[in-house]
PDB file of N, CA and C in Angstrom:
ATOM      1  N   MET A   1       0.845  -1.184   0.000  1.00  0.00           N
ATOM      2  CA  MET A   1       0.000   0.000   0.000  1.00  0.00           C
ATOM      3  C   MET A   1       0.885   1.241   0.000  1.00  0.00           C
ATOM      4  N   ASN A   2       0.440   2.248  -0.711  1.00  0.00           N
ATOM      5  CA  ASN A   2       1.195   3.496  -0.829  1.00  0.00           C
ATOM      6  C   ASN A   2       0.876   4.391   0.368  1.00  0.00           C
ATOM      7  N   ASP A   3       1.880   4.706   1.176  1.00  0.00           N
ATOM      8  CA  ASP A   3       1.686   5.529   2.374  1.00  0.00           C
ATOM      9  C   ASP A   3       2.023   6.993   2.135  1.00  0.00           C
ATOM     10  N   THR A   4       2.124   7.403   0.876  1.00  0.00           N
ATOM     11  CA  THR A   4       2.472   8.776   0.539  1.00  0.00           C
ATOM     12  C   THR A   4       1.352   9.719   0.956  1.00  0.00           C
ATOM     13  N   VAL A   5       1.741  10.844   1.565  1.00  0.00           N
ATOM     14  CA  VAL A   5       0.779  11.871   1.944  1.00  0.00           C
ATOM     15  C   VAL A   5       1.229  13.175   1.289  1.00  0.00           C
ATOM     16  N   PHE A   6       0.326  13.755   0.500  1.00  0.00           N
ATOM     17  CA  PHE A   6       0.623  15.024  -0.153  1.00  0.00           C
ATOM     18  C   PHE A   6      -0.089  16.122   0.615  1.00  0.00           C
ATOM     19  N   LYS A   7       0.648  17.179   0.986  1.00  0.00           N
ATOM     20  CA  LYS A   7       0.057  18.259   1.763  1.00  0.00           C
ATOM     21  C   LYS A   7      -0.234  19.485   0.920  1.00  0.00           C
ATOM     22  N   SER A   8       0.391  19.581  -0.255  1.00  0.00           N
ATOM     23  CA  SER A   8       0.119  20.696  -1.165  1.00  0.00           C
ATOM     24  C   SER A   8       0.474  20.265  -2.579  1.00  0.00           C
ATOM     25  N   TYR A   9       0.030  21.057  -3.540  1.00  0.00           N
ATOM     26  CA  TYR A   9       0.369  20.760  -4.931  1.00  0.00           C
ATOM     27  C   TYR A   9       1.876  20.792  -5.152  1.00  0.00           C
ATOM     28  N   ASP A  10       2.586  21.578  -4.380  1.00  0.00           N
ATOM     29  CA  ASP A  10       4.039  21.659  -4.514  1.00  0.00           C
ATOM     30  C   ASP A  10       4.732  20.341  -4.160  1.00  0.00           C
ATOM     31  N   ASP A  11       4.081  19.522  -3.326  1.00  0.00           N
ATOM     32  CA  ASP A  11       4.648  18.234  -2.923  1.00  0.00           C
ATOM     33  C   ASP A  11       4.537  17.168  -4.010  1.00  0.00           C
ATOM     34  N   LEU A  12       3.721  17.421  -5.016  1.00  0.00           N
ATOM     35  CA  LEU A  12       3.470  16.411  -6.046  1.00  0.00           C
ATOM     36  C   LEU A  12       4.649  16.267  -6.997  1.00  0.00           C
ATOM     37  N   PRO A  13       4.905  15.027  -7.446  1.00  0.00           N
ATOM     38  CA  PRO A  13       5.913  14.848  -8.489  1.00  0.00           C
ATOM     39  C   PRO A  13       5.373  15.384  -9.815  1.00  0.00           C
ATOM     40  N   LEU A  14       6.255  15.614 -10.783  1.00  0.00           N
ATOM     41  CA  LEU A  14       5.818  16.128 -12.091  1.00  0.00           C
ATOM     42  C   LEU A  14       4.844  15.181 -12.774  1.00  0.00           C
ATOM     43  N   MET A  15       5.064  13.888 -12.633  1.00  0.00           N
ATOM     44  CA  MET A  15       4.191  12.874 -13.210  1.00  0.00           C
ATOM     45  C   MET A  15       3.688  11.982 -12.089  1.00  0.00           C
ATOM     46  N   LEU A  16       2.379  11.769 -12.043  1.00  0.00           N
ATOM     47  CA  LEU A  16       1.791  10.952 -10.990  1.00  0.00           C
ATOM     48  C   LEU A  16       1.399   9.591 -11.539  1.00  0.00           C
ATOM     49  N   SER A  17       1.625   8.572 -10.744  1.00  0.00           N
ATOM     50  CA  SER A  17       1.226   7.209 -11.090  1.00  0.00           C
ATOM     51  C   SER A  17      -0.169   6.946 -10.516  1.00  0.00           C
ATOM     52  N   VAL A  18      -0.723   5.793 -10.845  1.00  0.00           N
ATOM     53  CA  VAL A  18      -2.030   5.425 -10.290  1.00  0.00           C
ATOM     54  C   VAL A  18      -1.973   5.360  -8.755  1.00  0.00           C
ATOM     55  N   PRO A  19      -0.945   4.750  -8.146  1.00  0.00           N
ATOM     56  CA  PRO A  19      -0.889   4.786  -6.674  1.00  0.00           C
ATOM     57  C   PRO A  19      -0.815   6.205  -6.109  1.00  0.00           C
ATOM     58  N   ASP A  20      -0.170   7.119  -6.830  1.00  0.00           N
ATOM     59  CA  ASP A  20      -0.144   8.514  -6.396  1.00  0.00           C
ATOM     60  C   ASP A  20      -1.554   9.113  -6.421  1.00  0.00           C
ATOM     61  N   LEU A  21      -2.314   8.806  -7.476  1.00  0.00           N
ATOM     62  CA  LEU A  21      -3.695   9.307  -7.567  1.00  0.00           C
ATOM     63  C   LEU A  21      -4.546   8.776  -6.424  1.00  0.00           C
ATOM     64  N   VAL A  22      -4.357   7.508  -6.091  1.00  0.00           N
ATOM     65  CA  VAL A  22      -5.088   6.903  -4.974  1.00  0.00           C
ATOM     66  C   VAL A  22      -4.829   7.689  -3.696  1.00  0.00           C
ATOM     67  N   ALA A  23      -3.559   7.986  -3.414  1.00  0.00           N
ATOM     68  CA  ALA A  23      -3.191   8.719  -2.196  1.00  0.00           C
ATOM     69  C   ALA A  23      -3.679  10.160  -2.242  1.00  0.00           C
ATOM     70  N   LEU A  24      -3.540  10.795  -3.384  1.00  0.00           N
ATOM     71  CA  LEU A  24      -3.895  12.203  -3.518  1.00  0.00           C
ATOM     72  C   LEU A  24      -5.397  12.438  -3.445  1.00  0.00           C
ATOM     73  N   LEU A  25      -6.150  11.641  -4.181  1.00  0.00           N
ATOM     74  CA  LEU A  25      -7.597  11.856  -4.283  1.00  0.00           C
ATOM     75  C   LEU A  25      -8.399  11.086  -3.247  1.00  0.00           C
ATOM     76  N   GLY A  26      -7.759  10.169  -2.535  1.00  0.00           N
ATOM     77  CA  GLY A  26      -8.466   9.392  -1.521  1.00  0.00           C
ATOM     78  C   GLY A  26      -9.490   8.455  -2.125  1.00  0.00           C
ATOM     79  N   ILE A  27      -9.148   7.876  -3.276  1.00  0.00           N
ATOM     80  CA  ILE A  27     -10.059   6.958  -3.955  1.00  0.00           C
ATOM     81  C   ILE A  27      -9.421   5.569  -3.994  1.00  0.00           C
ATOM     82  N   SER A  28     -10.216   4.587  -4.364  1.00  0.00           N
ATOM     83  CA  SER A  28      -9.704   3.225  -4.451  1.00  0.00           C
ATOM     84  C   SER A  28      -8.827   3.054  -5.687  1.00  0.00           C
ATOM     85  N   ARG A  29      -8.076   1.986  -5.707  1.00  0.00           N
ATOM     86  CA  ARG A  29      -7.237   1.680  -6.874  1.00  0.00           C
ATOM     87  C   ARG A  29      -8.113   1.451  -8.101  1.00  0.00           C
ATOM     88  N   ALA A  30      -9.229   0.736  -7.918  1.00  0.00           N
ATOM     89  CA  ALA A  30     -10.149   0.493  -9.027  1.00  0.00           C
ATOM     90  C   ALA A  30     -10.734   1.815  -9.527  1.00  0.00           C
ATOM     91  N   GLY A  31     -11.054   2.709  -8.597  1.00  0.00           N
ATOM     92  CA  GLY A  31     -11.584   4.019  -8.977  1.00  0.00           C
ATOM     93  C   GLY A  31     -10.573   4.840  -9.744  1.00  0.00           C
ATOM     94  N   ALA A  32      -9.304   4.741  -9.356  1.00  0.00           N
ATOM     95  CA  ALA A  32      -8.250   5.467 -10.059  1.00  0.00           C
ATOM     96  C   ALA A  32      -8.093   4.933 -11.480  1.00  0.00           C
ATOM     97  N   TYR A  33      -8.159   3.614 -11.654  1.00  0.00           N
ATOM     98  CA  TYR A  33      -8.051   3.050 -12.999  1.00  0.00           C
ATOM     99  C   TYR A  33      -9.258   3.426 -13.860  1.00  0.00           C
ATOM    100  N   GLU A  34     -10.446   3.488 -13.261  1.00  0.00           N
ATOM    101  CA  GLU A  34     -11.617   3.966 -14.010  1.00  0.00           C
ATOM    102  C   GLU A  34     -11.414   5.412 -14.447  1.00  0.00           C
ATOM    103  N   LEU A  35     -10.861   6.222 -13.577  1.00  0.00           N
ATOM    104  CA  LEU A  35     -10.624   7.632 -13.874  1.00  0.00           C
ATOM    105  C   LEU A  35      -9.643   7.796 -15.033  1.00  0.00           C
ATOM    106  N   VAL A  36      -8.543   7.069 -15.013  1.00  0.00           N
ATOM    107  CA  VAL A  36      -7.547   7.238 -16.081  1.00  0.00           C
ATOM    108  C   VAL A  36      -8.024   6.692 -17.420  1.00  0.00           C
ATOM    109  N   LYS A  37      -9.082   5.893 -17.421  1.00  0.00           N
ATOM    110  CA  LYS A  37      -9.658   5.391 -18.673  1.00  0.00           C
ATOM    111  C   LYS A  37     -10.587   6.401 -19.330  1.00  0.00           C
ATOM    112  N   ARG A  38     -11.039   7.396 -18.579  1.00  0.00           N
ATOM    113  CA  ARG A  38     -11.960   8.400 -19.129  1.00  0.00           C
ATOM    114  C   ARG A  38     -11.267   9.225 -20.208  1.00  0.00           C
ATOM    115  N   LYS A  39     -12.001   9.530 -21.258  1.00  0.00           N
ATOM    116  CA  LYS A  39     -11.438  10.298 -22.372  1.00  0.00           C
ATOM    117  C   LYS A  39     -11.123  11.737 -21.979  1.00  0.00           C
ATOM    118  N   ASP A  40     -11.850  12.289 -21.008  1.00  0.00           N
ATOM    119  CA  ASP A  40     -11.625  13.684 -20.610  1.00  0.00           C
ATOM    120  C   ASP A  40     -10.556  13.829 -19.524  1.00  0.00           C
ATOM    121  N   PHE A  41      -9.955  12.714 -19.097  1.00  0.00           N
ATOM    122  CA  PHE A  41      -8.945  12.760 -18.046  1.00  0.00           C
ATOM    123  C   PHE A  41      -7.558  12.743 -18.679  1.00  0.00           C
ATOM    124  N   PRO A  42      -6.637  13.587 -18.205  1.00  0.00           N
ATOM    125  CA  PRO A  42      -5.328  13.745 -18.851  1.00  0.00           C
ATOM    126  C   PRO A  42      -4.305  12.659 -18.499  1.00  0.00           C
ATOM    127  N   ALA A  43      -4.574  11.433 -18.909  1.00  0.00           N
ATOM    128  CA  ALA A  43      -3.655  10.331 -18.631  1.00  0.00           C
ATOM    129  C   ALA A  43      -2.758  10.075 -19.839  1.00  0.00           C
ATOM    130  N   LEU A  44      -1.520   9.759 -19.567  1.00  0.00           N
ATOM    131  CA  LEU A  44      -0.526   9.453 -20.587  1.00  0.00           C
ATOM    132  C   LEU A  44      -0.140   7.990 -20.428  1.00  0.00           C
ATOM    133  N   ARG A  45      -0.269   7.234 -21.497  1.00  0.00           N
ATOM    134  CA  ARG A  45       0.090   5.819 -21.438  1.00  0.00           C
ATOM    135  C   ARG A  45       1.426   5.605 -22.134  1.00  0.00           C
ATOM    136  N   ILE A  46       2.348   5.002 -21.417  1.00  0.00           N
ATOM    137  CA  ILE A  46       3.656   4.658 -21.965  1.00  0.00           C
ATOM    138  C   ILE A  46       3.795   3.155 -21.757  1.00  0.00           C
ATOM    139  N   GLY A  47       3.553   2.413 -22.815  1.00  0.00           N
ATOM    140  CA  GLY A  47       3.498   0.958 -22.674  1.00  0.00           C
ATOM    141  C   GLY A  47       2.320   0.607 -21.791  1.00  0.00           C
ATOM    142  N   LYS A  48       2.578  -0.139 -20.739  1.00  0.00           N
ATOM    143  CA  LYS A  48       1.509  -0.490 -19.794  1.00  0.00           C
ATOM    144  C   LYS A  48       1.403   0.506 -18.647  1.00  0.00           C
ATOM    145  N   ARG A  49       2.342   1.417 -18.575  1.00  0.00           N
ATOM    146  CA  ARG A  49       2.373   2.389 -17.472  1.00  0.00           C
ATOM    147  C   ARG A  49       1.439   3.551 -17.762  1.00  0.00           C
ATOM    148  N   VAL A  50       0.729   4.009 -16.744  1.00  0.00           N
ATOM    149  CA  VAL A  50      -0.175   5.148 -16.864  1.00  0.00           C
ATOM    150  C   VAL A  50       0.360   6.255 -15.958  1.00  0.00           C
ATOM    151  N   LEU A  51       0.577   7.437 -16.541  1.00  0.00           N
ATOM    152  CA  LEU A  51       1.065   8.589 -15.795  1.00  0.00           C
ATOM    153  C   LEU A  51       0.160   9.781 -16.050  1.00  0.00           C
ATOM    154  N   VAL A  52       0.094  10.668 -15.080  1.00  0.00           N
ATOM    155  CA  VAL A  52      -0.722  11.875 -15.194  1.00  0.00           C
ATOM    156  C   VAL A  52       0.172  13.069 -14.890  1.00  0.00           C
ATOM    157  N   PRO A  53       0.309  13.997 -15.848  1.00  0.00           N
ATOM    158  CA  PRO A  53       1.117  15.189 -15.591  1.00  0.00           C
ATOM    159  C   PRO A  53       0.478  16.048 -14.488  1.00  0.00           C
ATOM    160  N   LYS A  54       1.288  16.501 -13.550  1.00  0.00           N
ATOM    161  CA  LYS A  54       0.801  17.284 -12.409  1.00  0.00           C
ATOM    162  C   LYS A  54       0.014  18.513 -12.860  1.00  0.00           C
ATOM    163  N   ASP A  55       0.548  19.278 -13.800  1.00  0.00           N
ATOM    164  CA  ASP A  55      -0.125  20.504 -14.226  1.00  0.00           C
ATOM    165  C   ASP A  55      -1.473  20.213 -14.887  1.00  0.00           C
ATOM    166  N   LYS A  56      -1.549  19.130 -15.662  1.00  0.00           N
ATOM    167  CA  LYS A  56      -2.816  18.762 -16.322  1.00  0.00           C
ATOM    168  C   LYS A  56      -3.831  18.286 -15.294  1.00  0.00           C
ATOM    169  N   LEU A  57      -3.378  17.562 -14.268  1.00  0.00           N
ATOM    170  CA  LEU A  57      -4.288  17.100 -13.217  1.00  0.00           C
ATOM    171  C   LEU A  57      -4.860  18.281 -12.451  1.00  0.00           C
ATOM    172  N   ILE A  58      -4.014  19.246 -12.108  1.00  0.00           N
ATOM    173  CA  ILE A  58      -4.483  20.431 -11.373  1.00  0.00           C
ATOM    174  C   ILE A  58      -5.516  21.186 -12.215  1.00  0.00           C
ATOM    175  N   ALA A  59      -5.253  21.330 -13.512  1.00  0.00           N
ATOM    176  CA  ALA A  59      -6.199  22.007 -14.400  1.00  0.00           C
ATOM    177  C   ALA A  59      -7.499  21.216 -14.497  1.00  0.00           C
ATOM    178  N   TRP A  60      -7.422  19.881 -14.597  1.00  0.00           N
ATOM    179  CA  TRP A  60      -8.617  19.045 -14.691  1.00  0.00           C
ATOM    180  C   TRP A  60      -9.458  19.169 -13.432  1.00  0.00           C
ATOM    181  N   ILE A  61      -8.815  19.177 -12.274  1.00  0.00           N
ATOM    182  CA  ILE A  61      -9.536  19.341 -11.015  1.00  0.00           C
ATOM    183  C   ILE A  61     -10.267  20.681 -11.005  1.00  0.00           C
ATOM    184  N   GLY A  62      -9.589  21.746 -11.427  1.00  0.00           N
ATOM    185  CA  GLY A  62     -10.215  23.062 -11.478  1.00  0.00           C
ATOM    186  C   GLY A  62     -11.398  23.123 -12.417  1.00  0.00           C
ATOM    187  N   GLU A  63     -11.276  22.471 -13.561  1.00  0.00           N
ATOM    188  CA  GLU A  63     -12.365  22.487 -14.554  1.00  0.00           C
ATOM    189  C   GLU A  63     -13.562  21.634 -14.106  1.00  0.00           C
ATOM    190  N   ASN A  64     -13.330  20.656 -13.266  1.00  0.00           N
ATOM    191  CA  ASN A  64     -14.388  19.733 -12.874  1.00  0.00           C
ATOM    192  C   ASN A  64     -14.890  19.947 -11.456  1.00  0.00           C
ATOM    193  N   THR A  65     -14.564  21.093 -10.888  1.00  0.00           N
ATOM    194  CA  THR A  65     -15.035  21.436  -9.545  1.00  0.00           C
ATOM    195  C   THR A  65     -16.041  22.579  -9.664  1.00  0.00           C
ATOM    196  N   ASN A  66     -17.142  22.430  -8.968  1.00  0.00           N
ATOM    197  CA  ASN A  66     -18.176  23.497  -9.009  1.00  0.00           C
ATOM    198  C   ASN A  66     -17.774  24.641  -8.130  1.00  0.00           C
TER     199      ASN A  66
END
């Protein structure tokens, strides 16, 4: 299990993995994989690895928050 705790956007790595998303968003691993499969979510696939650029994630959160 990933015990990473992020306290601010500055603490985030440039590219986030699925376990990073789980820790950051407080969602399940299955939920994180569902999220990265969405067409409107900024996921980058490199082979079997899925990464999310920090700046794109922050922008996506802003666009999808009321």
